[in-house]
Amino acid sequence: MMRVNLEAAGLWHAVEPDELDIIRYREDRLALAAILRSVPSKMRASLSRKRTVHSAWEAVKTVRVGV
């Protein structure tokens, strides 16, 4: 669901960038804000301290999927 929402907003490339993708700070923060709105409140503090949305997404995958 999160991927579909971020793809629709044109922000998924910030979460899972290709080698040549250039991620603007605003795109990164918008994508992170979307993720923070959709995770349990106990995860928000630690995710909001992540440097990039990609690193926050990796943390979510580790906790929720066990990657």
PDB file of N, CA and C in Angstrom:
ATOM      1  N   MET A   1       0.820  -1.187   0.000  1.00  0.00           N
ATOM      2  CA  MET A   1       0.000   0.000   0.000  1.00  0.00           C
ATOM      3  C   MET A   1       0.871   1.260   0.000  1.00  0.00           C
ATOM      4  N   MET A   2       1.907   1.269   0.845  1.00  0.00           N
ATOM      5  CA  MET A   2       2.788   2.434   0.907  1.00  0.00           C
ATOM      6  C   MET A   2       3.468   2.671  -0.435  1.00  0.00           C
ATOM      7  N   ARG A   3       3.920   1.611  -1.067  1.00  0.00           N
ATOM      8  CA  ARG A   3       4.603   1.770  -2.354  1.00  0.00           C
ATOM      9  C   ARG A   3       3.673   2.387  -3.388  1.00  0.00           C
ATOM     10  N   VAL A   4       2.451   1.916  -3.445  1.00  0.00           N
ATOM     11  CA  VAL A   4       1.486   2.439  -4.407  1.00  0.00           C
ATOM     12  C   VAL A   4       1.236   3.921  -4.154  1.00  0.00           C
ATOM     13  N   ASN A   5       1.062   4.303  -2.890  1.00  0.00           N
ATOM     14  CA  ASN A   5       0.825   5.703  -2.565  1.00  0.00           C
ATOM     15  C   ASN A   5       2.014   6.586  -2.949  1.00  0.00           C
ATOM     16  N   LEU A   6       3.218   6.120  -2.674  1.00  0.00           N
ATOM     17  CA  LEU A   6       4.395   6.909  -3.011  1.00  0.00           C
ATOM     18  C   LEU A   6       4.645   6.940  -4.516  1.00  0.00           C
ATOM     19  N   GLU A   7       4.347   5.863  -5.207  1.00  0.00           N
ATOM     20  CA  GLU A   7       4.456   5.874  -6.670  1.00  0.00           C
ATOM     21  C   GLU A   7       3.470   6.872  -7.264  1.00  0.00           C
ATOM     22  N   ALA A   8       2.255   6.890  -6.745  1.00  0.00           N
ATOM     23  CA  ALA A   8       1.241   7.820  -7.231  1.00  0.00           C
ATOM     24  C   ALA A   8       1.655   9.266  -6.996  1.00  0.00           C
ATOM     25  N   ALA A   9       2.357   9.508  -5.907  1.00  0.00           N
ATOM     26  CA  ALA A   9       2.822  10.860  -5.596  1.00  0.00           C
ATOM     27  C   ALA A   9       4.135  11.202  -6.314  1.00  0.00           C
ATOM     28  N   GLY A  10       4.700  10.231  -7.032  1.00  0.00           N
ATOM     29  CA  GLY A  10       5.961  10.455  -7.736  1.00  0.00           C
ATOM     30  C   GLY A  10       7.160  10.501  -6.817  1.00  0.00           C
ATOM     31  N   LEU A  11       7.084   9.801  -5.689  1.00  0.00           N
ATOM     32  CA  LEU A  11       8.143   9.859  -4.685  1.00  0.00           C
ATOM     33  C   LEU A  11       8.832   8.522  -4.419  1.00  0.00           C
ATOM     34  N   TRP A  12       8.390   7.454  -5.042  1.00  0.00           N
ATOM     35  CA  TRP A  12       8.969   6.146  -4.739  1.00  0.00           C
ATOM     36  C   TRP A  12      10.465   6.101  -5.051  1.00  0.00           C
ATOM     37  N   HIS A  13      10.913   6.840  -6.060  1.00  0.00           N
ATOM     38  CA  HIS A  13      12.341   6.829  -6.408  1.00  0.00           C
ATOM     39  C   HIS A  13      13.209   7.314  -5.252  1.00  0.00           C
ATOM     40  N   ALA A  14      12.646   8.082  -4.337  1.00  0.00           N
ATOM     41  CA  ALA A  14      13.415   8.524  -3.167  1.00  0.00           C
ATOM     42  C   ALA A  14      13.598   7.389  -2.168  1.00  0.00           C
ATOM     43  N   VAL A  15      12.649   6.477  -2.140  1.00  0.00           N
ATOM     44  CA  VAL A  15      12.693   5.353  -1.201  1.00  0.00           C
ATOM     45  C   VAL A  15      13.597   4.245  -1.723  1.00  0.00           C
ATOM     46  N   GLU A  16      13.439   3.898  -2.966  1.00  0.00           N
ATOM     47  CA  GLU A  16      14.241   2.845  -3.606  1.00  0.00           C
ATOM     48  C   GLU A  16      14.913   3.427  -4.849  1.00  0.00           C
ATOM     49  N   PRO A  17      15.950   4.241  -4.658  1.00  0.00           N
ATOM     50  CA  PRO A  17      16.570   4.926  -5.800  1.00  0.00           C
ATOM     51  C   PRO A  17      17.387   3.988  -6.689  1.00  0.00           C
ATOM     52  N   ASP A  18      17.390   4.317  -7.981  1.00  0.00           N
ATOM     53  CA  ASP A  18      18.309   3.675  -8.915  1.00  0.00           C
ATOM     54  C   ASP A  18      19.645   4.393  -8.793  1.00  0.00           C
ATOM     55  N   GLU A  19      20.669   3.839  -9.426  1.00  0.00           N
ATOM     56  CA  GLU A  19      22.006   4.425  -9.333  1.00  0.00           C
ATOM     57  C   GLU A  19      22.044   5.874  -9.802  1.00  0.00           C
ATOM     58  N   LEU A  20      21.298   6.193 -10.828  1.00  0.00           N
ATOM     59  CA  LEU A  20      21.370   7.525 -11.424  1.00  0.00           C
ATOM     60  C   LEU A  20      20.333   8.503 -10.899  1.00  0.00           C
ATOM     61  N   ASP A  21      19.481   8.051  -9.984  1.00  0.00           N
ATOM     62  CA  ASP A  21      18.449   8.930  -9.446  1.00  0.00           C
ATOM     63  C   ASP A  21      19.063  10.038  -8.600  1.00  0.00           C
ATOM     64  N   ILE A  22      18.562  11.231  -8.807  1.00  0.00           N
ATOM     65  CA  ILE A  22      18.922  12.364  -7.962  1.00  0.00           C
ATOM     66  C   ILE A  22      17.714  12.656  -7.090  1.00  0.00           C
ATOM     67  N   ILE A  23      17.904  12.558  -5.790  1.00  0.00           N
ATOM     68  CA  ILE A  23      16.801  12.765  -4.858  1.00  0.00           C
ATOM     69  C   ILE A  23      16.963  14.135  -4.219  1.00  0.00           C
ATOM     70  N   ARG A  24      15.990  14.963  -4.423  1.00  0.00           N
ATOM     71  CA  ARG A  24      15.996  16.288  -3.808  1.00  0.00           C
ATOM     72  C   ARG A  24      15.576  16.156  -2.344  1.00  0.00           C
ATOM     73  N   TYR A  25      16.072  17.068  -1.527  1.00  0.00           N
ATOM     74  CA  TYR A  25      15.777  17.039  -0.098  1.00  0.00           C
ATOM     75  C   TYR A  25      14.274  17.059   0.155  1.00  0.00           C
ATOM     76  N   ARG A  26      13.549  17.905  -0.558  1.00  0.00           N
ATOM     77  CA  ARG A  26      12.097  18.008  -0.363  1.00  0.00           C
ATOM     78  C   ARG A  26      11.398  16.688  -0.686  1.00  0.00           C
ATOM     79  N   GLU A  27      11.817  16.020  -1.753  1.00  0.00           N
ATOM     80  CA  GLU A  27      11.230  14.724  -2.099  1.00  0.00           C
ATOM     81  C   GLU A  27      11.500  13.702  -0.999  1.00  0.00           C
ATOM     82  N   ASP A  28      12.717  13.716  -0.492  1.00  0.00           N
ATOM     83  CA  ASP A  28      13.081  12.792   0.579  1.00  0.00           C
ATOM     84  C   ASP A  28      12.198  13.023   1.812  1.00  0.00           C
ATOM     85  N   ARG A  29      12.032  14.274   2.199  1.00  0.00           N
ATOM     86  CA  ARG A  29      11.233  14.595   3.377  1.00  0.00           C
ATOM     87  C   ARG A  29       9.747  14.297   3.171  1.00  0.00           C
ATOM     88  N   LEU A  30       9.221  14.546   1.963  1.00  0.00           N
ATOM     89  CA  LEU A  30       7.821  14.226   1.684  1.00  0.00           C
ATOM     90  C   LEU A  30       7.579  12.722   1.771  1.00  0.00           C
ATOM     91  N   ALA A  31       8.512  11.955   1.213  1.00  0.00           N
ATOM     92  CA  ALA A  31       8.381  10.499   1.272  1.00  0.00           C
ATOM     93  C   ALA A  31       8.494  10.003   2.713  1.00  0.00           C
ATOM     94  N   LEU A  32       9.415  10.575   3.477  1.00  0.00           N
ATOM     95  CA  LEU A  32       9.558  10.181   4.881  1.00  0.00           C
ATOM     96  C   LEU A  32       8.293  10.531   5.667  1.00  0.00           C
ATOM     97  N   ALA A  33       7.731  11.686   5.402  1.00  0.00           N
ATOM     98  CA  ALA A  33       6.497  12.089   6.088  1.00  0.00           C
ATOM     99  C   ALA A  33       5.372  11.105   5.794  1.00  0.00           C
ATOM    100  N   ALA A  34       5.290  10.640   4.556  1.00  0.00           N
ATOM    101  CA  ALA A  34       4.256   9.671   4.202  1.00  0.00           C
ATOM    102  C   ALA A  34       4.460   8.355   4.947  1.00  0.00           C
ATOM    103  N   ILE A  35       5.694   7.928   5.065  1.00  0.00           N
ATOM    104  CA  ILE A  35       5.984   6.693   5.802  1.00  0.00           C
ATOM    105  C   ILE A  35       5.652   6.866   7.279  1.00  0.00           C
ATOM    106  N   LEU A  36       6.034   8.001   7.844  1.00  0.00           N
ATOM    107  CA  LEU A  36       5.768   8.237   9.267  1.00  0.00           C
ATOM    108  C   LEU A  36       4.269   8.253   9.571  1.00  0.00           C
ATOM    109  N   ARG A  37       3.471   8.710   8.627  1.00  0.00           N
ATOM    110  CA  ARG A  37       2.017   8.714   8.833  1.00  0.00           C
ATOM    111  C   ARG A  37       1.426   7.307   8.827  1.00  0.00           C
ATOM    112  N   SER A  38       2.147   6.355   8.281  1.00  0.00           N
ATOM    113  CA  SER A  38       1.547   5.029   8.114  1.00  0.00           C
ATOM    114  C   SER A  38       2.137   3.949   9.012  1.00  0.00           C
ATOM    115  N   VAL A  39       3.104   4.286   9.840  1.00  0.00           N
ATOM    116  CA  VAL A  39       3.680   3.286  10.743  1.00  0.00           C
ATOM    117  C   VAL A  39       3.109   3.474  12.151  1.00  0.00           C
ATOM    118  N   PRO A  40       3.207   2.449  12.984  1.00  0.00           N
ATOM    119  CA  PRO A  40       2.749   2.591  14.371  1.00  0.00           C
ATOM    120  C   PRO A  40       3.511   3.704  15.096  1.00  0.00           C
ATOM    121  N   SER A  41       2.864   4.345  16.028  1.00  0.00           N
ATOM    122  CA  SER A  41       3.452   5.491  16.727  1.00  0.00           C
ATOM    123  C   SER A  41       4.766   5.144  17.431  1.00  0.00           C
ATOM    124  N   LYS A  42       4.918   3.918  17.878  1.00  0.00           N
ATOM    125  CA  LYS A  42       6.157   3.549  18.576  1.00  0.00           C
ATOM    126  C   LYS A  42       7.382   3.532  17.660  1.00  0.00           C
ATOM    127  N   MET A  43       7.170   3.493  16.344  1.00  0.00           N
ATOM    128  CA  MET A  43       8.276   3.495  15.388  1.00  0.00           C
ATOM    129  C   MET A  43       8.650   4.900  14.928  1.00  0.00           C
ATOM    130  N   ARG A  44       7.784   5.859  15.105  1.00  0.00           N
ATOM    131  CA  ARG A  44       7.967   7.195  14.521  1.00  0.00           C
ATOM    132  C   ARG A  44       9.223   7.909  15.008  1.00  0.00           C
ATOM    133  N   ALA A  45       9.496   7.862  16.284  1.00  0.00           N
ATOM    134  CA  ALA A  45      10.651   8.600  16.824  1.00  0.00           C
ATOM    135  C   ALA A  45      11.955   8.113  16.207  1.00  0.00           C
ATOM    136  N   SER A  46      12.144   6.823  16.166  1.00  0.00           N
ATOM    137  CA  SER A  46      13.403   6.305  15.620  1.00  0.00           C
ATOM    138  C   SER A  46      13.504   6.541  14.115  1.00  0.00           C
ATOM    139  N   LEU A  47      12.398   6.420  13.405  1.00  0.00           N
ATOM    140  CA  LEU A  47      12.426   6.638  11.955  1.00  0.00           C
ATOM    141  C   LEU A  47      12.647   8.103  11.606  1.00  0.00           C
ATOM    142  N   SER A  48      12.111   8.998  12.390  1.00  0.00           N
ATOM    143  CA  SER A  48      12.262  10.418  12.084  1.00  0.00           C
ATOM    144  C   SER A  48      13.708  10.889  12.236  1.00  0.00           C
ATOM    145  N   ARG A  49      14.534  10.127  12.941  1.00  0.00           N
ATOM    146  CA  ARG A  49      15.950  10.471  13.088  1.00  0.00           C
ATOM    147  C   ARG A  49      16.816   9.916  11.969  1.00  0.00           C
ATOM    148  N   LYS A  50      16.244   9.127  11.083  1.00  0.00           N
ATOM    149  CA  LYS A  50      17.025   8.573   9.972  1.00  0.00           C
ATOM    150  C   LYS A  50      17.434   9.686   9.024  1.00  0.00           C
ATOM    151  N   ARG A  51      18.595   9.553   8.454  1.00  0.00           N
ATOM    152  CA  ARG A  51      19.129  10.598   7.580  1.00  0.00           C
ATOM    153  C   ARG A  51      18.402  10.679   6.247  1.00  0.00           C
ATOM    154  N   THR A  52      17.974   9.533   5.725  1.00  0.00           N
ATOM    155  CA  THR A  52      17.264   9.513   4.441  1.00  0.00           C
ATOM    156  C   THR A  52      16.020   8.640   4.556  1.00  0.00           C
ATOM    157  N   VAL A  53      15.093   8.859   3.645  1.00  0.00           N
ATOM    158  CA  VAL A  53      13.891   8.027   3.612  1.00  0.00           C
ATOM    159  C   VAL A  53      14.268   6.587   3.265  1.00  0.00           C
ATOM    160  N   HIS A  54      15.307   6.414   2.466  1.00  0.00           N
ATOM    161  CA  HIS A  54      15.743   5.059   2.114  1.00  0.00           C
ATOM    162  C   HIS A  54      16.171   4.287   3.367  1.00  0.00           C
ATOM    163  N   SER A  55      16.934   4.930   4.239  1.00  0.00           N
ATOM    164  CA  SER A  55      17.359   4.240   5.462  1.00  0.00           C
ATOM    165  C   SER A  55      16.173   3.989   6.395  1.00  0.00           C
ATOM    166  N   ALA A  56      15.216   4.887   6.413  1.00  0.00           N
ATOM    167  CA  ALA A  56      14.006   4.662   7.209  1.00  0.00           C
ATOM    168  C   ALA A  56      13.224   3.482   6.647  1.00  0.00           C
ATOM    169  N   TRP A  57      13.111   3.405   5.337  1.00  0.00           N
ATOM    170  CA  TRP A  57      12.395   2.302   4.705  1.00  0.00           C
ATOM    171  C   TRP A  57      13.077   0.972   4.999  1.00  0.00           C
ATOM    172  N   GLU A  58      14.391   0.944   4.973  1.00  0.00           N
ATOM    173  CA  GLU A  58      15.123  -0.279   5.301  1.00  0.00           C
ATOM    174  C   GLU A  58      14.824  -0.712   6.737  1.00  0.00           C
ATOM    175  N   ALA A  59      14.742   0.232   7.644  1.00  0.00           N
ATOM    176  CA  ALA A  59      14.418  -0.085   9.040  1.00  0.00           C
ATOM    177  C   ALA A  59      13.001  -0.637   9.158  1.00  0.00           C
ATOM    178  N   VAL A  60      12.069  -0.058   8.425  1.00  0.00           N
ATOM    179  CA  VAL A  60      10.685  -0.556   8.444  1.00  0.00           C
ATOM    180  C   VAL A  60      10.653  -1.983   7.921  1.00  0.00           C
ATOM    181  N   LYS A  61      11.344  -2.236   6.817  1.00  0.00           N
ATOM    182  CA  LYS A  61      11.356  -3.592   6.261  1.00  0.00           C
ATOM    183  C   LYS A  61      11.948  -4.581   7.251  1.00  0.00           C
ATOM    184  N   THR A  62      12.996  -4.197   7.938  1.00  0.00           N
ATOM    185  CA  THR A  62      13.613  -5.091   8.909  1.00  0.00           C
ATOM    186  C   THR A  62      12.668  -5.435  10.046  1.00  0.00           C
ATOM    187  N   VAL A  63      11.967  -4.440  10.556  1.00  0.00           N
ATOM    188  CA  VAL A  63      11.060  -4.648  11.689  1.00  0.00           C
ATOM    189  C   VAL A  63       9.806  -5.383  11.265  1.00  0.00           C
ATOM    190  N   ARG A  64       9.213  -4.974  10.155  1.00  0.00           N
ATOM    191  CA  ARG A  64       7.917  -5.507   9.757  1.00  0.00           C
ATOM    192  C   ARG A  64       7.979  -6.794   8.954  1.00  0.00           C
ATOM    193  N   VAL A  65       9.035  -6.958   8.168  1.00  0.00           N
ATOM    194  CA  VAL A  65       9.111  -8.119   7.293  1.00  0.00           C
ATOM    195  C   VAL A  65      10.183  -9.092   7.757  1.00  0.00           C
ATOM    196  N   GLY A  66      11.139  -8.591   8.508  1.00  0.00           N
ATOM    197  CA  GLY A  66      12.213  -9.453   8.973  1.00  0.00           C
ATOM    198  C   GLY A  66      13.303  -9.641   7.952  1.00  0.00           C
ATOM    199  N   VAL A  67      13.531  -8.642   7.127  1.00  0.00           N
ATOM    200  CA  VAL A  67      14.563  -8.712   6.096  1.00  0.00           C
ATOM    201  C   VAL A  67      15.922  -8.714   6.752  1.00  0.00           C
TER     202      VAL A  67
END
